[in-house]
């Protein structure tokens, strides 16, 4: 799945450009305390210890990735284990709150409105939430090629980051469809003829700036969608919309509420978060 240069012509849809509202540590704490999550997938004994979150397996020195519900998130070496844990938990919190607010899987962009709203309330600085239509120039649509085309536009100036996203997709492609990673991702991302999913990458630049490259996708097809990352169809039988942007993080806010988010997710994390084998 080597990324190939590809011309795309996009027109903007679902324009959501807004002025970022100020978020403080206190407002973020209140937001996390008050948001509602769906019921856990499995009943838990109140006296039992919560399922551990995967922070124990994150390693600052390694390139790593994880499946977090409908998101594949990768980390460039140098991002601390604590920040990896915070990013994973932020993603899961946003997804679960969006799932609670928008239960209809066909309302893809209402779901994304709720998803982005959570992130902006916990320290993610997202200026522009526009989705653009991806236009395939050949007769056939292949989801992983479209993803890599979007990633190349966003990450092309950072070949190491682009290679890491490619490696994460290759790792998923090589897995059996019944593997726990694929099972979680498919369950949370696709439904009949629609799908929504996210690909993200967290890194820290030479100046110490911590940021996330985030790509969010909405897919609508005329046929049933299976293995959404590698879904294939005739070009005129599938419509893909995408958001792609580099998101800065208010680390004072996110670091200050990371424990509260983790506690909020204690009954859910084991059913949604699966760390992938280490990436080269």
Protein backbone atom coordinates (compact mmCIF):
# COMPACT_ATOMS: atom_id res chain seq x y z
CA UNK A 1 0.00 0.00 0.00
CA UNK A 2 2.66 2.48 -1.01
CA UNK A 3 1.06 5.90 -1.29
CA UNK A 4 0.68 7.00 -4.87
CA UNK A 5 0.47 10.62 -5.99
CA UNK A 6 -3.12 11.26 -6.90
CA UNK A 7 -4.96 14.31 -8.07
CA UNK A 8 -8.07 15.02 -6.09
CA UNK A 9 -10.60 17.75 -6.63
CA UNK A 10 -12.54 18.68 -3.55
CA UNK A 11 -15.43 20.94 -2.92
CA UNK A 12 -16.19 21.96 0.61
CA UNK A 13 -19.28 20.65 2.35
CA UNK A 14 -20.61 20.75 5.90
CA UNK A 15 -18.71 23.96 6.61
CA UNK A 16 -18.09 24.27 10.35
CA UNK A 17 -15.50 27.00 10.70
CA UNK A 18 -15.85 28.64 14.08
CA UNK A 19 -13.97 30.87 16.44
CA UNK A 20 -12.40 28.69 19.11
CA UNK A 21 -13.97 29.30 22.49
CA UNK A 22 -11.62 29.63 25.45
CA UNK A 23 -11.25 26.41 27.40
CA UNK A 24 -9.88 26.43 30.93
CA UNK A 25 -8.86 23.56 33.16
CA UNK A 26 -11.93 24.17 35.33
CA UNK A 27 -14.33 24.21 32.37
CA UNK A 28 -12.77 21.01 30.99
CA UNK A 29 -13.11 19.27 34.36
CA UNK A 30 -16.76 20.26 34.57
CA UNK A 31 -17.38 19.08 31.02
CA UNK A 32 -15.85 15.64 31.67
CA UNK A 33 -17.77 15.24 34.92
CA UNK A 34 -21.11 16.06 33.28
CA UNK A 35 -21.00 14.27 29.91
CA UNK A 36 -23.09 11.13 29.51
CA UNK A 37 -21.70 7.88 28.12
CA UNK A 38 -23.53 4.82 26.77
CA UNK A 39 -23.95 1.84 29.06
CA UNK A 40 -20.85 -0.38 29.15
CA UNK A 41 -20.96 -3.27 26.71
CA UNK A 42 -20.53 -5.79 29.50
CA UNK A 43 -21.99 -5.63 32.99
CA UNK A 44 -19.29 -5.21 35.60
CA UNK A 45 -19.26 -6.35 39.20
CA UNK A 46 -19.14 -3.12 41.17
CA UNK A 47 -16.55 -4.66 43.50
CA UNK A 48 -14.29 -5.82 40.67
CA UNK A 49 -11.27 -3.85 39.57
CA UNK A 50 -11.87 -1.91 36.33
CA UNK A 51 -10.35 -3.23 33.14
CA UNK A 52 -6.96 -1.54 32.82
CA UNK A 53 -6.38 1.00 30.08
CA UNK A 54 -3.43 0.31 27.80
CA UNK A 55 -1.09 3.01 29.09
CA UNK A 56 1.14 0.33 30.56
CA UNK A 57 2.15 -0.85 27.09
CA UNK A 58 2.95 2.54 25.59
CA UNK A 59 6.65 3.26 25.14
CA UNK A 60 8.03 6.75 24.46
CA UNK A 61 10.96 5.32 22.47
CA UNK A 62 8.81 3.36 19.98
CA UNK A 63 6.59 4.04 16.98
CA UNK A 64 3.26 2.58 18.06
CA UNK A 65 -0.40 2.49 17.10
CA UNK A 66 -3.73 1.45 18.57
CA UNK A 67 -7.28 0.86 17.45
CA UNK A 68 -9.59 3.05 19.52
CA UNK A 69 -13.17 2.28 18.54
CA UNK A 70 -13.51 3.71 15.02
CA UNK A 71 -10.08 5.37 15.07
CA UNK A 72 -6.59 4.18 14.20
CA UNK A 73 -4.17 6.39 16.14
CA UNK A 74 -0.38 6.27 15.62
CA UNK A 75 2.42 7.76 17.69
CA UNK A 76 5.84 8.85 16.51
CA UNK A 77 8.70 7.94 18.84
CA UNK A 78 9.37 10.75 21.30
CA UNK A 79 5.72 11.27 22.28
CA UNK A 80 5.60 10.32 25.96
CA UNK A 81 3.63 7.31 27.15
CA UNK A 82 1.47 9.66 29.25
CA UNK A 83 0.57 11.76 26.22
CA UNK A 84 -0.20 8.63 24.17
CA UNK A 85 -2.55 7.50 26.90
CA UNK A 86 -4.21 10.94 27.00
CA UNK A 87 -4.74 11.01 23.22
CA UNK A 88 -6.24 7.52 23.17
CA UNK A 89 -8.57 8.34 26.04
CA UNK A 90 -9.58 11.67 24.44
CA UNK A 91 -10.54 9.86 21.26
CA UNK A 92 -12.59 7.25 23.10
CA UNK A 93 -14.37 9.84 25.22
CA UNK A 94 -15.30 11.84 22.12
CA UNK A 95 -16.58 8.75 20.33
CA UNK A 96 -18.66 7.51 23.25
CA UNK A 97 -20.26 10.89 23.88
CA UNK A 98 -21.05 11.23 20.16
CA UNK A 99 -22.50 7.72 20.18
CA UNK A 100 -24.70 8.63 23.14
CA UNK A 101 -25.94 11.82 21.44
CA UNK A 102 -26.32 10.49 17.88
CA UNK A 103 -27.39 6.85 17.85
CA UNK A 104 -28.43 6.74 14.17
CA UNK A 105 -25.33 5.53 12.22
CA UNK A 106 -26.58 7.21 9.04
CA UNK A 107 -26.28 10.67 10.65
CA UNK A 108 -22.53 10.68 10.04
CA UNK A 109 -21.93 14.42 10.21
CA UNK A 110 -24.19 15.02 13.21
CA UNK A 111 -22.05 12.38 14.94
CA UNK A 112 -18.91 14.27 13.92
CA UNK A 113 -20.35 17.54 15.25
CA UNK A 114 -20.68 15.88 18.66
CA UNK A 115 -17.26 14.22 18.36
CA UNK A 116 -15.45 17.48 17.58
CA UNK A 117 -17.39 19.30 20.30
CA UNK A 118 -15.99 16.93 22.93
CA UNK A 119 -12.43 17.34 21.70
CA UNK A 120 -12.65 21.13 21.73
CA UNK A 121 -13.95 21.03 25.31
CA UNK A 122 -10.99 19.01 26.59
CA UNK A 123 -8.14 21.02 25.13
CA UNK A 124 -7.97 20.16 21.42
CA UNK A 125 -7.73 23.34 19.35
CA UNK A 126 -9.65 22.66 16.12
CA UNK A 127 -10.25 25.76 14.03
CA UNK A 128 -11.90 24.37 10.91
CA UNK A 129 -14.24 21.36 10.87
CA UNK A 130 -15.05 21.36 7.15
CA UNK A 131 -15.53 18.15 5.22
CA UNK A 132 -14.50 17.94 1.57
CA UNK A 133 -15.70 15.46 -1.05
CA UNK A 134 -13.00 13.12 -2.30
CA UNK A 135 -13.20 12.57 -6.05
CA UNK A 136 -11.74 9.39 -7.50
CA UNK A 137 -10.16 9.87 -10.92
CA UNK A 138 -10.20 6.20 -11.91
CA UNK A 139 -13.18 3.93 -12.47
CA UNK A 140 -12.70 2.10 -9.17
CA UNK A 141 -12.73 3.36 -5.59
CA UNK A 142 -10.41 1.74 -3.04
CA UNK A 143 -10.70 3.10 0.50
CA UNK A 144 -7.10 2.58 1.57
CA UNK A 145 -5.79 4.41 -1.51
CA UNK A 146 -8.15 7.30 -0.84
CA UNK A 147 -7.01 7.43 2.79
CA UNK A 148 -3.38 7.52 1.73
CA UNK A 149 -4.10 10.24 -0.83
CA UNK A 150 -5.59 12.40 1.92
CA UNK A 151 -2.71 11.50 4.25
CA UNK A 152 -0.16 12.39 1.57
CA UNK A 153 -1.70 15.86 1.23
CA UNK A 154 -1.65 16.37 5.00
CA UNK A 155 1.66 14.67 5.84
CA UNK A 156 3.60 14.83 2.59
CA UNK A 157 6.17 17.19 4.07
CA UNK A 158 6.79 14.70 6.88
CA UNK A 159 7.73 11.38 5.23
CA UNK A 160 8.36 9.61 8.56
CA UNK A 161 4.85 10.44 9.74
CA UNK A 162 3.32 9.34 6.43
CA UNK A 163 5.26 6.08 6.54
CA UNK A 164 3.96 5.41 10.04
CA UNK A 165 0.32 5.84 8.99
CA UNK A 166 1.01 3.52 6.04
CA UNK A 167 2.55 0.93 8.37
CA UNK A 168 -0.47 1.02 10.66
CA UNK A 169 -2.81 0.39 7.72
CA UNK A 170 -0.59 -2.44 6.48
CA UNK A 171 -0.63 -4.01 9.93
CA UNK A 172 -4.43 -4.02 9.90
CA UNK A 173 -4.60 -5.31 6.33
CA UNK A 174 -2.46 -8.32 7.29
CA UNK A 175 -4.74 -9.35 10.16
CA UNK A 176 -7.48 -11.92 10.13
CA UNK A 177 -10.94 -10.34 9.98
CA UNK A 178 -11.73 -12.01 13.34
CA UNK A 179 -8.75 -10.46 15.11
CA UNK A 180 -9.67 -8.25 18.10
CA UNK A 181 -8.38 -5.12 16.35
CA UNK A 182 -10.55 -5.65 13.26
CA UNK A 183 -13.54 -6.73 15.33
CA UNK A 184 -13.52 -3.53 17.41
CA UNK A 185 -12.87 -1.24 14.45
CA UNK A 186 -15.54 -2.82 12.23
CA UNK A 187 -18.12 -2.81 15.01
CA UNK A 188 -17.63 0.89 15.71
CA UNK A 189 -16.99 2.26 12.21
CA UNK A 190 -19.41 0.63 9.77
CA UNK A 191 -23.10 -0.05 9.41
CA UNK A 192 -24.65 -1.55 6.28
CA UNK A 193 -23.99 1.07 3.56
CA UNK A 194 -22.44 3.84 5.66
CA UNK A 195 -19.23 4.17 7.65
CA UNK A 196 -17.31 6.77 9.60
CA UNK A 197 -13.77 6.40 10.86
CA UNK A 198 -10.72 8.40 11.85
CA UNK A 199 -6.99 8.11 11.20
CA UNK A 200 -4.71 10.20 13.42
CA UNK A 201 -1.05 10.63 14.21
CA UNK A 202 0.50 12.29 17.26
CA UNK A 203 3.99 13.72 17.20
CA UNK A 204 6.25 16.30 18.76
CA UNK A 205 8.34 18.61 16.62
CA UNK A 206 11.92 19.74 17.20
CA UNK A 207 10.71 22.79 19.10
CA UNK A 208 8.71 20.64 21.51
CA UNK A 209 5.31 21.52 20.00
CA UNK A 210 2.90 18.64 20.52
CA UNK A 211 0.16 18.19 17.93
CA UNK A 212 -2.08 15.65 16.24
CA UNK A 213 -2.68 15.22 12.52
CA UNK A 214 -6.33 14.19 12.34
CA UNK A 215 -8.22 12.74 9.39
CA UNK A 216 -11.93 11.99 9.72
CA UNK A 217 -13.87 10.15 7.01
CA UNK A 218 -17.50 9.57 6.12
CA UNK A 219 -18.29 6.88 3.54
CA UNK A 220 -21.62 6.20 1.84
CA UNK A 221 -21.96 3.35 -0.66
CA UNK A 222 -24.59 1.66 -2.78
CA UNK A 223 -23.42 -1.77 -1.64
CA UNK A 224 -22.84 -3.18 1.82
CA UNK A 225 -19.58 -2.03 3.38
CA UNK A 226 -17.23 -4.68 4.72
CA UNK A 227 -13.67 -4.19 5.98
CA UNK A 228 -14.11 -0.47 5.61
CA UNK A 229 -10.41 0.47 5.44
CA UNK A 230 -10.03 -1.78 2.40
CA UNK A 231 -13.49 -1.41 0.89
CA UNK A 232 -13.63 -1.41 -2.91
CA UNK A 233 -16.40 -0.29 -5.25
CA UNK A 234 -17.03 1.35 -8.58
CA UNK A 235 -16.13 5.02 -8.23
CA UNK A 236 -19.67 6.21 -8.87
CA UNK A 237 -21.03 3.77 -6.27
CA UNK A 238 -19.23 5.32 -3.27
CA UNK A 239 -18.99 8.83 -1.84
CA UNK A 240 -16.18 9.65 0.57
CA UNK A 241 -15.99 12.91 2.50
CA UNK A 242 -13.05 13.83 4.68
CA UNK A 243 -11.70 16.32 7.15
CA UNK A 244 -7.93 16.65 7.44
CA UNK A 245 -6.04 19.05 9.66
CA UNK A 246 -3.24 19.49 12.15
CA UNK A 247 -4.66 20.01 15.61
CA UNK A 248 -2.75 21.66 18.42
CA UNK A 249 -3.32 20.57 22.00
CA UNK A 250 -3.64 22.72 25.09
CA UNK A 251 -1.43 20.43 27.14
CA UNK A 252 -2.12 22.25 30.41
CA UNK A 253 -5.79 21.39 30.06
CA UNK A 254 -5.41 17.87 28.70
CA UNK A 255 -2.73 16.87 31.20
CA UNK A 256 -4.82 18.32 34.02
CA UNK A 257 -7.91 16.24 33.21
CA UNK A 258 -6.27 13.02 32.00
CA UNK A 259 -6.97 11.18 35.26
CA UNK A 260 -10.60 12.32 35.25
CA UNK A 261 -11.06 11.08 31.68
CA UNK A 262 -9.44 7.76 32.53
CA UNK A 263 -11.75 7.30 35.52
CA UNK A 264 -14.77 8.17 33.33
CA UNK A 265 -13.77 5.45 30.86
CA UNK A 266 -12.85 2.74 33.35
CA UNK A 267 -15.84 0.54 32.50
CA UNK A 268 -15.46 1.00 28.72
CA UNK A 269 -11.77 1.01 27.77
CA UNK A 270 -11.26 -2.72 27.61
CA UNK A 271 -14.03 -3.08 25.02
CA UNK A 272 -12.81 -0.31 22.72
CA UNK A 273 -9.02 0.04 22.94
CA UNK A 274 -6.66 -2.50 21.38
CA UNK A 275 -2.95 -1.69 20.97
CA UNK A 276 -1.46 -2.84 17.65
CA UNK A 277 1.88 -4.64 17.48
CA UNK A 278 4.77 -2.15 17.55
CA UNK A 279 5.40 -0.44 14.21
CA UNK A 280 8.78 -0.39 12.52
